[in-house]
Amino acid sequence: MVQALAGLALADVNPARPSDGTLRAEVVRFLASGLKTLVWPRAETSDDVNAIVASLARIAPDDLSVRLTVVGMTDHVVEAHGMEQACETCMYYLQRRRFCELPELMLPVEADWSCGLWRI
């Protein structure tokens, strides 16, 4: 049963949730329109991460622009402390699905995007 569900997108399990493609297009639209996100400072300590995660928990799951703002999402790689912080190198990135599985975010993303919760 679990294996059968593993290949399904959340929209397949919960029809009320938009598909990855629909969500990705919406994220692209927000970022391309110049949405100002909280890129700096990056979450470098546990306290920083916990503060962002707590903020995300208070935002409605469908309030995408605010969620993107709080997490500091960009449509390009961010360099911090001499290290490129791309989604594709983050521990939460699912390469085949092009998806961030950080429980508090759970969004389709591109490999060359970045967010403030980036982790090796």
N, C-alpha and C. Protein backbone atom coordinates (compact mmCIF):
# COMPACT_ATOMS: atom_id res chain seq x y z
N MET A 1 0.82 -1.19 0.00
CA MET A 1 0.00 0.00 0.00
C MET A 1 0.87 1.26 0.00
N VAL A 2 1.87 1.30 0.90
CA VAL A 2 2.74 2.47 0.98
C VAL A 2 3.48 2.66 -0.33
N GLN A 3 3.97 1.56 -0.92
CA GLN A 3 4.68 1.68 -2.20
C GLN A 3 3.76 2.22 -3.29
N ALA A 4 2.53 1.83 -3.27
CA ALA A 4 1.58 2.30 -4.28
C ALA A 4 1.35 3.80 -4.15
N LEU A 5 1.36 4.32 -2.93
CA LEU A 5 1.14 5.74 -2.71
C LEU A 5 2.40 6.58 -2.92
N ALA A 6 3.57 5.96 -2.86
CA ALA A 6 4.82 6.70 -2.92
C ALA A 6 4.98 7.52 -4.19
N GLY A 7 4.48 7.05 -5.30
CA GLY A 7 4.64 7.76 -6.56
C GLY A 7 3.58 8.81 -6.83
N LEU A 8 2.61 8.94 -5.94
CA LEU A 8 1.53 9.89 -6.15
C LEU A 8 1.89 11.27 -5.63
N ALA A 9 1.45 12.28 -6.32
CA ALA A 9 1.57 13.65 -5.84
C ALA A 9 0.47 13.88 -4.81
N LEU A 10 0.64 14.89 -3.96
CA LEU A 10 -0.38 15.17 -2.94
C LEU A 10 -1.73 15.46 -3.57
N ALA A 11 -1.75 16.05 -4.76
CA ALA A 11 -3.03 16.33 -5.42
C ALA A 11 -3.76 15.04 -5.76
N ASP A 12 -3.01 13.94 -5.99
CA ASP A 12 -3.64 12.67 -6.30
C ASP A 12 -4.32 12.09 -5.06
N VAL A 13 -3.75 12.33 -3.89
CA VAL A 13 -4.30 11.82 -2.64
C VAL A 13 -5.36 12.78 -2.10
N ASN A 14 -5.14 14.07 -2.27
CA ASN A 14 -6.05 15.11 -1.79
C ASN A 14 -6.43 15.99 -2.99
N PRO A 15 -7.55 15.70 -3.64
CA PRO A 15 -7.94 16.45 -4.84
C PRO A 15 -8.10 17.95 -4.61
N ALA A 16 -8.27 18.39 -3.37
CA ALA A 16 -8.42 19.82 -3.09
C ALA A 16 -7.08 20.55 -3.21
N ARG A 17 -5.98 19.83 -3.13
CA ARG A 17 -4.65 20.43 -3.24
C ARG A 17 -4.26 20.53 -4.71
N PRO A 18 -3.76 21.70 -5.13
CA PRO A 18 -3.35 21.86 -6.53
C PRO A 18 -2.20 20.91 -6.88
N SER A 19 -2.08 20.58 -8.14
CA SER A 19 -0.99 19.71 -8.58
C SER A 19 0.34 20.43 -8.45
N ASP A 20 1.43 19.66 -8.48
CA ASP A 20 2.77 20.25 -8.43
C ASP A 20 2.95 21.25 -9.57
N GLY A 21 2.50 20.91 -10.76
CA GLY A 21 2.66 21.80 -11.90
C GLY A 21 1.93 23.12 -11.71
N THR A 22 0.72 23.05 -11.17
CA THR A 22 -0.06 24.26 -10.91
C THR A 22 0.62 25.12 -9.86
N LEU A 23 1.06 24.49 -8.77
CA LEU A 23 1.74 25.24 -7.71
C LEU A 23 3.06 25.84 -8.21
N ARG A 24 3.83 25.05 -8.97
CA ARG A 24 5.10 25.54 -9.50
C ARG A 24 4.87 26.77 -10.37
N ALA A 25 3.85 26.73 -11.23
CA ALA A 25 3.54 27.87 -12.09
C ALA A 25 3.17 29.09 -11.26
N GLU A 26 2.46 28.87 -10.17
CA GLU A 26 2.08 29.99 -9.30
C GLU A 26 3.31 30.58 -8.60
N VAL A 27 4.21 29.70 -8.14
CA VAL A 27 5.45 30.18 -7.51
C VAL A 27 6.27 30.97 -8.52
N VAL A 28 6.42 30.44 -9.73
CA VAL A 28 7.16 31.14 -10.79
C VAL A 28 6.55 32.51 -11.04
N ARG A 29 5.24 32.58 -11.10
CA ARG A 29 4.55 33.85 -11.34
C ARG A 29 4.87 34.86 -10.24
N PHE A 30 4.78 34.42 -8.99
CA PHE A 30 5.08 35.33 -7.87
C PHE A 30 6.52 35.82 -7.93
N LEU A 31 7.45 34.89 -8.11
CA LEU A 31 8.87 35.27 -8.11
C LEU A 31 9.22 36.14 -9.31
N ALA A 32 8.66 35.83 -10.47
CA ALA A 32 8.94 36.61 -11.68
C ALA A 32 8.33 38.00 -11.60
N SER A 33 7.28 38.16 -10.81
CA SER A 33 6.63 39.47 -10.70
C SER A 33 7.37 40.40 -9.75
N GLY A 34 8.44 39.91 -9.15
CA GLY A 34 9.24 40.76 -8.27
C GLY A 34 8.87 40.68 -6.81
N LEU A 35 8.22 39.59 -6.40
CA LEU A 35 7.88 39.43 -4.99
C LEU A 35 9.14 39.59 -4.14
N LYS A 36 9.09 40.48 -3.19
CA LYS A 36 10.22 40.72 -2.29
C LYS A 36 10.16 39.72 -1.14
N THR A 37 11.14 38.84 -1.07
CA THR A 37 11.16 37.83 -0.02
C THR A 37 12.27 38.13 0.98
N LEU A 38 12.21 37.51 2.13
CA LEU A 38 13.16 37.75 3.21
C LEU A 38 14.40 36.87 3.03
N VAL A 39 15.18 37.19 2.01
CA VAL A 39 16.36 36.39 1.65
C VAL A 39 17.42 36.48 2.74
N TRP A 40 17.57 37.67 3.32
CA TRP A 40 18.59 37.91 4.36
C TRP A 40 17.92 38.33 5.65
N PRO A 41 18.43 37.92 6.77
CA PRO A 41 19.53 36.99 6.95
C PRO A 41 19.10 35.55 6.70
N ARG A 42 20.05 34.70 6.38
CA ARG A 42 19.78 33.27 6.18
C ARG A 42 19.62 32.62 7.55
N ALA A 43 18.90 31.53 7.60
CA ALA A 43 18.73 30.77 8.85
C ALA A 43 19.99 29.94 9.08
N GLU A 44 20.83 30.41 9.95
CA GLU A 44 22.12 29.74 10.18
C GLU A 44 22.18 28.96 11.48
N THR A 45 21.28 29.25 12.40
CA THR A 45 21.28 28.55 13.69
C THR A 45 19.94 27.85 13.87
N SER A 46 19.88 26.98 14.84
CA SER A 46 18.62 26.30 15.15
C SER A 46 17.54 27.30 15.53
N ASP A 47 17.93 28.34 16.27
CA ASP A 47 16.96 29.37 16.66
C ASP A 47 16.41 30.09 15.43
N ASP A 48 17.28 30.37 14.44
CA ASP A 48 16.84 31.02 13.20
C ASP A 48 15.84 30.13 12.46
N VAL A 49 16.18 28.85 12.34
CA VAL A 49 15.30 27.90 11.66
C VAL A 49 13.97 27.80 12.38
N ASN A 50 14.02 27.67 13.70
CA ASN A 50 12.79 27.54 14.49
C ASN A 50 11.90 28.77 14.36
N ALA A 51 12.50 29.95 14.26
CA ALA A 51 11.72 31.18 14.11
C ALA A 51 10.98 31.19 12.77
N ILE A 52 11.67 30.79 11.71
CA ILE A 52 11.02 30.76 10.39
C ILE A 52 9.94 29.68 10.35
N VAL A 53 10.24 28.52 10.89
CA VAL A 53 9.27 27.43 10.92
C VAL A 53 8.03 27.85 11.72
N ALA A 54 8.22 28.52 12.84
CA ALA A 54 7.09 28.99 13.65
C ALA A 54 6.26 30.01 12.86
N SER A 55 6.93 30.86 12.12
CA SER A 55 6.21 31.83 11.29
C SER A 55 5.40 31.12 10.22
N LEU A 56 5.99 30.13 9.57
CA LEU A 56 5.28 29.37 8.54
C LEU A 56 4.05 28.67 9.10
N ALA A 57 4.17 28.19 10.33
CA ALA A 57 3.04 27.48 10.96
C ALA A 57 1.84 28.39 11.18
N ARG A 58 2.08 29.69 11.28
CA ARG A 58 0.98 30.64 11.51
C ARG A 58 0.34 31.14 10.21
N ILE A 59 0.90 30.73 9.08
CA ILE A 59 0.40 31.19 7.78
C ILE A 59 -0.47 30.10 7.16
N ALA A 60 -1.59 30.49 6.63
CA ALA A 60 -2.47 29.52 5.96
C ALA A 60 -1.70 28.83 4.84
N PRO A 61 -1.86 27.52 4.70
CA PRO A 61 -1.14 26.77 3.66
C PRO A 61 -1.36 27.30 2.25
N ASP A 62 -2.51 27.92 1.99
CA ASP A 62 -2.79 28.40 0.64
C ASP A 62 -2.38 29.87 0.44
N ASP A 63 -1.77 30.49 1.45
CA ASP A 63 -1.29 31.87 1.31
C ASP A 63 0.14 31.84 0.79
N LEU A 64 0.25 31.49 -0.47
CA LEU A 64 1.54 31.19 -1.08
C LEU A 64 2.50 32.37 -1.08
N SER A 65 2.03 33.55 -1.41
CA SER A 65 2.95 34.69 -1.49
C SER A 65 3.58 35.00 -0.13
N VAL A 66 2.81 34.89 0.95
CA VAL A 66 3.35 35.14 2.28
C VAL A 66 4.32 34.03 2.67
N ARG A 67 3.99 32.79 2.35
CA ARG A 67 4.89 31.68 2.66
C ARG A 67 6.23 31.83 1.93
N LEU A 68 6.17 32.22 0.66
CA LEU A 68 7.40 32.44 -0.11
C LEU A 68 8.21 33.59 0.47
N THR A 69 7.53 34.63 0.91
CA THR A 69 8.20 35.78 1.50
C THR A 69 8.92 35.40 2.78
N VAL A 70 8.22 34.73 3.68
CA VAL A 70 8.78 34.35 4.99
C VAL A 70 9.97 33.41 4.84
N VAL A 71 9.89 32.48 3.91
CA VAL A 71 10.96 31.50 3.77
C VAL A 71 12.14 32.05 2.96
N GLY A 72 11.98 33.22 2.36
CA GLY A 72 13.06 33.82 1.60
C GLY A 72 13.34 33.14 0.27
N MET A 73 12.29 32.67 -0.38
CA MET A 73 12.44 31.94 -1.65
C MET A 73 12.94 32.87 -2.75
N THR A 74 13.88 32.36 -3.55
CA THR A 74 14.37 33.08 -4.72
C THR A 74 14.33 32.15 -5.93
N ASP A 75 14.27 32.75 -7.11
CA ASP A 75 14.31 31.94 -8.33
C ASP A 75 15.73 31.89 -8.89
N HIS A 76 16.68 32.02 -8.00
CA HIS A 76 18.10 31.92 -8.35
C HIS A 76 18.87 31.42 -7.13
N VAL A 77 20.08 30.95 -7.39
CA VAL A 77 20.94 30.46 -6.31
C VAL A 77 21.41 31.65 -5.47
N VAL A 78 21.45 31.45 -4.17
CA VAL A 78 21.97 32.46 -3.25
C VAL A 78 23.30 31.95 -2.71
N GLU A 79 24.28 32.84 -2.65
CA GLU A 79 25.57 32.49 -2.06
C GLU A 79 25.67 33.12 -0.68
N ALA A 80 26.02 32.29 0.29
CA ALA A 80 26.19 32.77 1.66
C ALA A 80 27.45 32.12 2.23
N HIS A 81 28.31 32.93 2.80
CA HIS A 81 29.56 32.45 3.39
C HIS A 81 30.39 31.64 2.39
N GLY A 82 30.41 32.10 1.15
CA GLY A 82 31.21 31.44 0.12
C GLY A 82 30.64 30.13 -0.38
N MET A 83 29.40 29.83 -0.05
CA MET A 83 28.78 28.57 -0.45
C MET A 83 27.48 28.85 -1.20
N GLU A 84 27.33 28.23 -2.36
CA GLU A 84 26.07 28.36 -3.10
C GLU A 84 25.01 27.53 -2.40
N GLN A 85 23.86 28.14 -2.15
CA GLN A 85 22.76 27.48 -1.46
C GLN A 85 21.60 27.28 -2.45
N ALA A 86 21.73 26.28 -3.28
CA ALA A 86 20.70 25.96 -4.26
C ALA A 86 19.80 24.86 -3.73
N CYS A 87 18.55 24.88 -4.15
CA CYS A 87 17.62 23.83 -3.74
C CYS A 87 18.19 22.44 -4.03
N GLU A 88 18.83 22.28 -5.18
CA GLU A 88 19.31 20.96 -5.57
C GLU A 88 20.35 20.38 -4.61
N THR A 89 21.00 21.21 -3.80
CA THR A 89 21.98 20.72 -2.84
C THR A 89 21.42 20.67 -1.42
N CYS A 90 20.16 20.99 -1.26
CA CYS A 90 19.52 20.97 0.06
C CYS A 90 19.04 19.56 0.38
N MET A 91 19.13 19.22 1.64
CA MET A 91 18.73 17.88 2.08
C MET A 91 17.23 17.61 1.90
N TYR A 92 16.43 18.63 1.74
CA TYR A 92 14.98 18.47 1.59
C TYR A 92 14.53 18.39 0.13
N TYR A 93 15.45 18.51 -0.80
CA TYR A 93 15.09 18.55 -2.23
C TYR A 93 14.93 17.14 -2.80
N LEU A 94 13.79 16.91 -3.42
CA LEU A 94 13.53 15.64 -4.11
C LEU A 94 13.80 15.88 -5.60
N GLN A 95 14.91 15.34 -6.10
CA GLN A 95 15.37 15.64 -7.44
C GLN A 95 14.38 15.23 -8.52
N ARG A 96 13.90 14.02 -8.48
CA ARG A 96 13.01 13.53 -9.56
C ARG A 96 11.69 14.29 -9.61
N ARG A 97 11.21 14.68 -8.46
CA ARG A 97 9.93 15.40 -8.39
C ARG A 97 10.11 16.92 -8.48
N ARG A 98 11.37 17.39 -8.28
CA ARG A 98 11.64 18.83 -8.22
C ARG A 98 10.74 19.46 -7.15
N PHE A 99 10.98 19.01 -5.91
CA PHE A 99 10.06 19.32 -4.83
C PHE A 99 10.83 19.50 -3.53
N CYS A 100 10.41 20.46 -2.70
CA CYS A 100 10.96 20.65 -1.37
C CYS A 100 10.05 19.92 -0.38
N GLU A 101 10.62 18.91 0.27
CA GLU A 101 9.81 18.15 1.22
C GLU A 101 10.00 18.59 2.67
N LEU A 102 10.52 19.81 2.86
CA LEU A 102 10.56 20.36 4.20
C LEU A 102 9.12 20.40 4.70
N PRO A 103 8.80 19.73 5.79
CA PRO A 103 7.40 19.59 6.22
C PRO A 103 6.64 20.91 6.31
N GLU A 104 7.31 21.97 6.69
CA GLU A 104 6.64 23.26 6.84
C GLU A 104 6.49 24.00 5.51
N LEU A 105 7.10 23.48 4.45
CA LEU A 105 7.02 24.16 3.16
C LEU A 105 6.27 23.32 2.12
N MET A 106 6.78 22.14 1.81
CA MET A 106 6.12 21.21 0.88
C MET A 106 5.66 21.91 -0.40
N LEU A 107 6.64 22.33 -1.22
CA LEU A 107 6.35 23.03 -2.46
C LEU A 107 7.21 22.51 -3.61
N PRO A 108 6.66 22.53 -4.82
CA PRO A 108 7.50 22.23 -5.98
C PRO A 108 8.47 23.39 -6.18
N VAL A 109 9.72 23.07 -6.40
CA VAL A 109 10.77 24.08 -6.59
C VAL A 109 11.68 23.62 -7.72
N GLU A 110 12.48 24.53 -8.21
CA GLU A 110 13.47 24.21 -9.24
C GLU A 110 14.84 24.05 -8.59
N ALA A 111 15.70 23.30 -9.24
CA ALA A 111 17.03 22.99 -8.70
C ALA A 111 17.85 24.23 -8.43
N ASP A 112 17.70 25.26 -9.26
CA ASP A 112 18.53 26.45 -9.12
C ASP A 112 17.84 27.58 -8.34
N TRP A 113 16.81 27.25 -7.59
CA TRP A 113 16.19 28.20 -6.68
C TRP A 113 16.86 28.06 -5.31
N SER A 114 16.43 28.88 -4.37
CA SER A 114 17.00 28.81 -3.02
C SER A 114 16.00 29.36 -2.01
N CYS A 115 16.18 28.97 -0.74
CA CYS A 115 15.38 29.55 0.33
C CYS A 115 16.24 29.66 1.58
N GLY A 116 15.76 30.44 2.53
CA GLY A 116 16.50 30.70 3.74
C GLY A 116 16.66 29.51 4.66
N LEU A 117 15.93 28.44 4.41
CA LEU A 117 16.02 27.24 5.25
C LEU A 117 16.92 26.17 4.64
N TRP A 118 17.73 26.56 3.67
CA TRP A 118 18.63 25.62 2.97
C TRP A 118 19.50 24.88 3.99
N ARG A 119 19.62 23.58 3.79
CA ARG A 119 20.45 22.71 4.65
C ARG A 119 21.19 21.69 3.81
N ILE A 120 22.44 21.41 4.21
CA ILE A 120 23.24 20.38 3.53
C ILE A 120 22.70 19.03 3.92
